[in-house]
Every structure is written in structure tokens, then in C-alpha cells.
Amino acid sequence: MSEDIPSGWERSTLGNVASLSNEKCEPSSTNVLRYIGLEHIESGSQRITGVGSSADVSSTKSKFRAGNVLYGKLRPYLKKVCRPTFDGICSKDILVFSESPSIDNGFLLHFLSRQETANFATQNANGINLPRINSTTLGELSIGIPPLAEQRRIVAKIEVSKERSRNAREALAEVGPLLEQFRQSLLAAAFRGDLTTDWRAANPNVEPASELLKRIRQERRQKWEQGELAKYQAKGKQPPTDWQDKYKAPEPVDDSDLPELPVGWCWTSFDECASEITVGFVGPMKHRYVSEGLTMLRS
């Protein structure tokens, strides 16, 4: 860590300024207390998302008091740090820091929550699958200590910034539904013709959709006929005289109960304007994949 610290601060180590509590208790021998495990501390946010009960746990646990700082030493990269406002017991994978005359616990809470602290603890943890940082090694972490009054001022500044951040997140959370609502309103307006009202007024002589639909119907029939002739040719047969009568034209759309459309528009169906609607091949797909041709888009 850089040795540059503001005037009036002192450089020390965490072990020299923080007070680590070693108070233990047996859950079965205590009144019912609230229990905090690592699963109850949200990663990186200092939030306690839930609590258990001492009646539901066994074996020796660490005891904490309201205002103590709890630090998860298992998988320290998860940054599980909190400061409960109540007394209770916690997992032995949580270090408990009590009040110290040298460092404000609010200041300590934010110091232990830093990414730099997580990096130090992760690099110096023991174990591969379940890495843990021990209290002695964590105590070697360098820390710049301001006067207590300045520590509390720093904590107050952080809390103001966090409150602004929370408000911003809550506002952003509301933006998503509003954007989706706007998107749906925009799409509804688009398919009512509202977005091109001025364009239609400036271009009254464009080809109406009914003419486009006629060409689509013609092209659709031609494509069907070409396909049928190819089938007969592949079989070495001549098509029967009535083969063209087998063509099934799409059913016309009954628009009697449908909304009125802008001038030049007309109702049709997906079946009429799409060359093919399919749910994909049936059966194993992997052997059908090829490197060229039409792109296959899967769900």
C-alpha cells in the first residue's frame, strides 16, 4: 500500500488498532438469540438479509454485541461484512470486532468492505476449495488511521453517498418498467399508423397495401406451383391435368370486428404474407448443422 497519508493520520496495522473479540458461547446454554451465518450476509453490500435462531444451531459459536463489526473470513473475496444493531451469535467463520479506543467501528466496517481488503485477504488465505483468512494474517493489513473525529466525519460522508446511491438504484429500478411501457405504447402507435400520419399526408399517391397483397398472393402461388412441378419431375412423372386445383389459398381475414385502419392499409394474416411458418425440425438436431446456408436461430 502507498505510504502517502494525509497530515494528522498515522500508519498502523489492523491488528494494532482493532479489537478482536474471542467471546464464545454454546447455543444450548443460552437464551434464544438471533444467529447470523455467512448465508445471512449479502456479498459486498453490508446488508443482513435474514437471521436464524440459536435454538436451531449446535456447537460453539462466536458471540457479538450490537455495533460490533462482523467479517466473513471464509471466501473473503465475497466481502461479507456487516454491523448488526442487535446482540446475537454467529458462525465461527465470522470474525467479531468489538469497540476499540483507536478506531471507530463505522470506519472499520467500511475499511473491511474495501476491494483492497478483499484482495489482501484472498491473496493470503489458506485452502483452495474453502479459502480462509486467519485473524493473525488479517491483522498484518496496513491501515491509515485518522483522528477519531475525522473517522466519524468520513463515515458520515460515506453514509450520505450510500444513501444517494440507494436512491439512484431505486429510481433506476423504476425506469425498466417505464421503458417497457413506453416501448409497448410506441409499438401500438406504430401499428395504428400514428407514427406515419404526416408521411401519408405528404405521399398520397403511394401504392396501397392491397396491391402489395395481390403480388404476395401471386408470388405465393407461383412458388407453390414451382415446388409441385419439382416434386413430379423428381419422381419422373407428368403432373395430372387438375394438379393446380390442389392449391389452397389462405383464408381471407374477416375484418368486420377489427379496428379501422389508415387509408392505404389492409388487414391480412401471417399465413398469407409469410412463405413458411415452422417450429423447426423434429428429432436430434446436431447432425443437421452445416457451416453454410441459412442461419439457424435457437431459443
Protein backbone atom coordinates (compact mmCIF):
# COMPACT_ATOMS: atom_id res chain seq x y z
CA MET A 1 0.00 0.00 0.00
CA SER A 2 1.10 3.55 -0.63
CA GLU A 3 2.69 5.20 2.42
CA ASP A 4 1.20 8.58 1.47
CA ILE A 5 -1.41 9.51 4.08
CA PRO A 6 -2.93 12.89 4.96
CA SER A 7 -1.36 15.09 7.59
CA GLY A 8 -2.53 14.10 11.06
CA TRP A 9 -3.07 10.44 10.13
CA GLU A 10 -0.94 7.56 11.40
CA ARG A 11 0.10 4.39 9.62
CA SER A 12 -0.52 1.20 11.58
CA THR A 13 -1.78 -2.35 11.11
CA LEU A 14 -5.29 -3.64 11.59
CA GLY A 15 -4.17 -5.89 14.45
CA ASN A 16 -2.77 -2.95 16.38
CA VAL A 17 -5.87 -0.74 16.24
CA ALA A 18 -8.87 -3.11 16.03
CA SER A 19 -10.18 -5.16 18.95
CA LEU A 20 -10.94 -8.74 18.01
CA SER A 21 -13.48 -10.41 20.29
CA ASN A 22 -12.96 -14.04 21.23
CA GLU A 23 -16.17 -14.40 23.24
CA LYS A 24 -17.78 -17.79 22.60
CA CYS A 25 -20.94 -19.49 23.78
CA GLU A 26 -22.83 -22.75 23.50
CA PRO A 27 -26.23 -22.12 21.84
CA SER A 28 -27.88 -24.78 24.04
CA SER A 29 -26.83 -22.99 27.23
CA THR A 30 -28.13 -19.53 26.32
CA ASN A 31 -31.48 -17.88 26.00
CA VAL A 32 -32.74 -17.78 22.43
CA LEU A 33 -30.56 -15.35 20.49
CA ARG A 34 -30.53 -14.28 16.89
CA TYR A 35 -27.98 -16.16 14.81
CA ILE A 36 -26.06 -14.81 11.81
CA GLY A 37 -24.33 -17.16 9.40
CA LEU A 38 -22.46 -16.26 6.24
CA GLU A 39 -25.63 -17.05 4.32
CA HIS A 40 -27.35 -14.15 6.11
CA ILE A 41 -24.83 -11.51 4.93
CA GLU A 42 -25.20 -10.14 1.42
CA SER A 43 -21.99 -10.07 -0.57
CA GLY A 44 -20.47 -6.63 -0.96
CA SER A 45 -23.41 -4.61 0.40
CA GLN A 46 -23.02 -4.79 4.23
CA ARG A 47 -26.68 -5.87 4.35
CA ILE A 48 -28.05 -8.54 6.70
CA THR A 49 -30.68 -10.33 4.63
CA GLY A 50 -32.02 -12.58 7.37
CA VAL A 51 -31.28 -14.19 10.73
CA GLY A 52 -31.57 -17.61 12.26
CA SER A 53 -32.08 -18.69 15.86
CA SER A 54 -29.64 -20.08 18.40
CA ALA A 55 -32.22 -22.80 19.02
CA ASP A 56 -31.63 -24.11 15.51
CA VAL A 57 -27.82 -24.40 15.65
CA SER A 58 -25.37 -26.52 17.59
CA SER A 59 -21.68 -26.45 18.54
CA THR A 60 -19.76 -23.47 19.86
CA LYS A 61 -20.49 -20.10 18.24
CA SER A 62 -19.00 -16.63 18.48
CA LYS A 63 -20.92 -14.02 20.42
CA PHE A 64 -21.38 -10.43 19.23
CA ARG A 65 -22.90 -7.24 20.60
CA ALA A 66 -24.87 -4.53 18.85
CA GLY A 67 -22.46 -2.28 16.98
CA ASN A 68 -19.75 -4.92 16.59
CA VAL A 69 -18.37 -5.48 13.09
CA LEU A 70 -18.71 -8.98 11.63
CA TYR A 71 -16.23 -10.06 8.94
CA GLY A 72 -16.60 -13.28 6.95
CA LYS A 73 -13.18 -14.96 6.86
CA LEU A 74 -14.34 -17.84 4.61
CA ARG A 75 -14.03 -16.97 0.91
CA PRO A 76 -13.03 -13.38 1.76
CA TYR A 77 -13.40 -12.35 -1.90
CA LEU A 78 -17.16 -12.33 -1.27
CA LYS A 79 -16.76 -9.26 1.00
CA LYS A 80 -19.29 -10.39 3.60
CA VAL A 81 -19.09 -7.64 6.20
CA CYS A 82 -21.85 -6.18 8.38
CA ARG A 83 -22.57 -4.30 11.60
CA PRO A 84 -25.71 -5.62 13.34
CA THR A 85 -27.80 -3.41 15.57
CA PHE A 86 -28.64 -6.28 17.95
CA ASP A 87 -26.87 -8.84 20.14
CA GLY A 88 -26.55 -12.42 18.97
CA ILE A 89 -24.28 -15.28 17.98
CA CYS A 90 -22.61 -16.00 14.68
CA SER A 91 -20.72 -18.66 12.76
CA LYS A 92 -17.11 -19.31 13.72
CA ASP A 93 -16.27 -18.44 10.10
CA ILE A 94 -17.05 -14.84 11.07
CA LEU A 95 -14.56 -12.64 12.91
CA VAL A 96 -16.13 -10.32 15.51
CA PHE A 97 -14.58 -6.89 16.08
CA SER A 98 -15.70 -5.14 19.25
CA GLU A 99 -15.35 -1.43 20.07
CA SER A 100 -11.80 -0.08 20.12
CA PRO A 101 -10.42 3.19 21.51
CA SER A 102 -8.33 3.63 18.35
CA ILE A 103 -10.81 3.06 15.55
CA ASP A 104 -14.50 3.82 15.13
CA ASN A 105 -16.43 0.69 14.20
CA GLY A 106 -18.25 2.53 11.44
CA PHE A 107 -14.85 3.41 9.95
CA LEU A 108 -13.71 -0.20 10.43
CA LEU A 109 -16.85 -1.51 8.70
CA HIS A 110 -16.07 0.44 5.54
CA PHE A 111 -12.35 -0.33 5.69
CA LEU A 112 -13.06 -4.08 5.80
CA SER A 113 -15.57 -3.70 2.94
CA ARG A 114 -12.98 -2.27 0.53
CA GLN A 115 -11.85 -4.22 -2.52
CA GLU A 116 -8.24 -3.72 -1.39
CA THR A 117 -9.01 -5.53 1.87
CA ALA A 118 -10.68 -8.37 -0.04
CA ASN A 119 -7.67 -8.63 -2.34
CA PHE A 120 -5.24 -8.81 0.63
CA ALA A 121 -7.34 -11.41 2.43
CA THR A 122 -7.80 -13.52 -0.71
CA GLN A 123 -4.09 -13.49 -1.55
CA ASN A 124 -3.17 -14.52 1.99
CA ALA A 125 -5.96 -17.05 2.62
CA ASN A 126 -5.26 -20.71 3.33
CA GLY A 127 -7.03 -23.51 1.49
CA ILE A 128 -8.03 -23.99 -2.12
CA ASN A 129 -11.67 -25.08 -2.18
CA LEU A 130 -12.56 -23.27 1.06
CA PRO A 131 -10.04 -20.42 1.42
CA ARG A 132 -9.97 -18.76 4.85
CA ILE A 133 -8.02 -15.78 6.15
CA ASN A 134 -6.92 -16.14 9.76
CA SER A 135 -7.12 -13.25 12.19
CA THR A 136 -3.34 -13.03 12.68
CA THR A 137 -2.65 -12.61 8.97
CA LEU A 138 -5.55 -10.19 8.53
CA GLY A 139 -4.12 -8.19 11.44
CA GLU A 140 -0.98 -7.53 9.37
CA LEU A 141 -3.00 -5.44 6.88
CA SER A 142 -1.73 -1.86 6.76
CA ILE A 143 -4.23 0.88 7.61
CA GLY A 144 -4.11 4.66 7.71
CA ILE A 145 -5.73 5.92 10.91
CA PRO A 146 -7.20 9.44 11.07
CA PRO A 147 -8.17 11.09 14.36
CA LEU A 148 -11.43 9.70 15.76
CA ALA A 149 -13.39 12.85 14.94
CA GLU A 150 -12.24 12.65 11.33
CA GLN A 151 -13.04 8.94 11.19
CA ARG A 152 -16.62 9.72 12.16
CA ARG A 153 -16.76 12.54 9.62
CA ILE A 154 -15.57 10.12 6.92
CA VAL A 155 -18.24 7.59 7.94
CA ALA A 156 -20.93 10.28 7.75
CA LYS A 157 -19.76 11.26 4.26
CA ILE A 158 -19.82 7.63 3.14
CA GLU A 159 -23.33 7.14 4.50
CA VAL A 160 -24.59 10.22 2.64
CA SER A 161 -23.06 8.90 -0.58
CA LYS A 162 -24.54 5.44 0.02
CA GLU A 163 -27.99 6.96 0.57
CA ARG A 164 -27.69 8.82 -2.73
CA SER A 165 -26.60 5.59 -4.39
CA ARG A 166 -29.58 3.72 -2.92
CA ASN A 167 -31.95 6.42 -4.14
CA ALA A 168 -30.39 6.28 -7.60
CA ARG A 169 -30.75 2.47 -7.72
CA GLU A 170 -34.39 2.70 -6.67
CA ALA A 171 -35.03 5.31 -9.35
CA LEU A 172 -33.30 3.16 -11.96
CA ALA A 173 -35.35 0.15 -10.87
CA GLU A 174 -38.47 2.09 -11.82
CA VAL A 175 -37.03 3.07 -15.19
CA GLY A 176 -37.12 -0.51 -16.55
CA PRO A 177 -40.92 -0.94 -16.34
CA LEU A 178 -41.44 2.61 -17.61
CA LEU A 179 -39.23 1.94 -20.63
CA GLU A 180 -41.10 -1.28 -21.38
CA GLN A 181 -44.41 0.58 -21.06
CA PHE A 182 -43.11 3.26 -23.42
CA ARG A 183 -41.87 0.62 -25.85
CA GLN A 184 -45.27 -1.09 -25.94
CA SER A 185 -47.04 2.26 -26.38
CA LEU A 186 -44.67 3.12 -29.21
CA LEU A 187 -45.29 -0.22 -30.93
CA ALA A 188 -49.06 0.20 -30.55
CA ALA A 189 -48.84 3.68 -32.10
CA ALA A 190 -46.67 2.37 -34.92
CA PHE A 191 -49.14 -0.35 -35.89
CA ARG A 192 -52.07 2.03 -35.70
CA GLY A 193 -50.30 4.23 -38.25
CA ASP A 194 -49.88 7.12 -35.83
CA LEU A 195 -46.15 7.43 -36.48
CA THR A 196 -46.58 7.92 -40.23
CA THR A 197 -49.64 10.18 -40.35
CA ASP A 198 -47.63 13.13 -41.66
CA TRP A 199 -45.79 10.92 -44.15
CA ARG A 200 -49.05 9.62 -45.64
CA ALA A 201 -50.37 13.17 -45.96
CA ALA A 202 -47.21 14.15 -47.87
CA ASN A 203 -47.29 10.98 -50.04
CA PRO A 204 -50.95 10.41 -51.05
CA ASN A 205 -50.16 8.55 -54.29
CA VAL A 206 -48.11 5.63 -52.98
CA GLU A 207 -49.18 2.10 -53.85
CA PRO A 208 -51.82 0.86 -51.36
CA ALA A 209 -51.21 -2.28 -49.35
CA SER A 210 -53.99 -4.07 -51.29
CA GLU A 211 -51.77 -4.02 -54.42
CA LEU A 212 -48.82 -5.32 -52.43
CA LEU A 213 -51.01 -8.11 -51.11
CA LYS A 214 -52.04 -9.08 -54.66
CA ARG A 215 -48.39 -9.51 -55.64
CA ILE A 216 -47.71 -11.54 -52.49
CA ARG A 217 -50.60 -13.86 -53.36
CA GLN A 218 -49.34 -14.27 -56.93
CA GLU A 219 -45.77 -14.95 -55.80
CA ARG A 220 -47.01 -17.37 -53.18
CA ARG A 221 -48.96 -19.36 -55.79
CA GLN A 222 -46.06 -19.32 -58.24
CA LYS A 223 -43.72 -20.65 -55.57
CA TRP A 224 -46.18 -23.42 -54.72
CA GLU A 225 -46.54 -24.39 -58.39
CA GLN A 226 -42.78 -24.46 -58.89
CA GLY A 227 -42.42 -26.69 -55.87
CA GLU A 228 -45.13 -29.08 -57.03
CA LEU A 229 -43.63 -29.35 -60.53
CA ALA A 230 -40.23 -30.08 -59.00
CA LYS A 231 -41.76 -32.94 -57.00
CA TYR A 232 -43.32 -34.51 -60.10
CA GLN A 233 -40.07 -34.07 -62.03
CA ALA A 234 -38.06 -35.71 -59.23
CA LYS A 235 -40.40 -38.72 -59.44
CA GLY A 236 -40.20 -38.78 -63.25
CA LYS A 237 -43.93 -38.18 -63.57
CA GLN A 238 -46.09 -35.77 -65.51
CA PRO A 239 -48.45 -33.65 -63.38
CA PRO A 240 -52.16 -34.51 -63.76
CA THR A 241 -54.40 -32.06 -65.57
CA ASP A 242 -56.04 -30.82 -62.36
CA TRP A 243 -52.85 -30.52 -60.29
CA GLN A 244 -53.19 -26.74 -59.99
CA ASP A 245 -56.62 -27.12 -58.39
CA LYS A 246 -54.95 -28.59 -55.29
CA TYR A 247 -53.54 -25.21 -54.29
CA LYS A 248 -55.01 -23.98 -51.02
CA ALA A 249 -55.20 -20.22 -50.89
CA PRO A 250 -55.06 -18.62 -47.43
CA GLU A 251 -58.41 -17.82 -45.90
CA PRO A 252 -59.26 -14.12 -46.21
CA VAL A 253 -59.30 -12.13 -42.97
CA ASP A 254 -62.71 -11.24 -41.58
CA ASP A 255 -62.15 -7.59 -40.68
CA SER A 256 -65.72 -6.81 -39.71
CA ASP A 257 -64.81 -6.62 -36.00
CA LEU A 258 -61.27 -5.34 -36.44
CA PRO A 259 -60.24 -1.71 -35.84
CA GLU A 260 -60.36 0.74 -38.72
CA LEU A 261 -57.02 1.15 -40.49
CA PRO A 262 -55.40 4.22 -42.08
CA VAL A 263 -56.11 4.84 -45.77
CA GLY A 264 -53.97 2.54 -47.91
CA TRP A 265 -53.58 -0.16 -45.25
CA CYS A 266 -55.35 -3.55 -45.19
CA TRP A 267 -55.74 -6.49 -42.85
CA THR A 268 -54.11 -9.82 -43.69
CA SER A 269 -52.85 -12.90 -41.83
CA PHE A 270 -49.41 -14.21 -41.03
CA ASP A 271 -50.20 -17.26 -43.12
CA GLU A 272 -50.87 -15.10 -46.18
CA CYS A 273 -47.76 -12.93 -46.03
CA ALA A 274 -45.23 -15.49 -44.77
CA SER A 275 -43.69 -18.08 -47.05
CA GLU A 276 -43.37 -20.61 -44.23
CA ILE A 277 -44.18 -20.81 -40.53
CA THR A 278 -42.46 -23.65 -38.69
CA VAL A 279 -41.46 -24.76 -35.21
CA GLY A 280 -38.23 -26.25 -36.53
CA PHE A 281 -37.08 -29.77 -37.29
CA VAL A 282 -38.27 -32.73 -35.26
CA GLY A 283 -35.73 -35.04 -33.67
CA PRO A 284 -32.00 -34.70 -32.98
CA MET A 285 -30.57 -31.52 -34.47
CA LYS A 286 -26.82 -31.78 -34.15
CA HIS A 287 -26.24 -33.90 -37.27
CA ARG A 288 -28.27 -31.40 -39.33
CA TYR A 289 -25.94 -28.46 -38.63
CA VAL A 290 -23.88 -27.17 -41.54
CA SER A 291 -21.34 -24.37 -41.80
CA GLU A 292 -23.04 -22.62 -44.72
CA GLY A 293 -26.57 -21.76 -45.80
CA LEU A 294 -29.42 -20.34 -43.78
CA THR A 295 -28.65 -19.32 -40.21
CA MET A 296 -30.36 -21.45 -37.55
CA LEU A 297 -31.59 -19.44 -34.57
CA ARG A 298 -32.43 -21.48 -31.48
CA SER A 299 -34.35 -20.39 -28.40
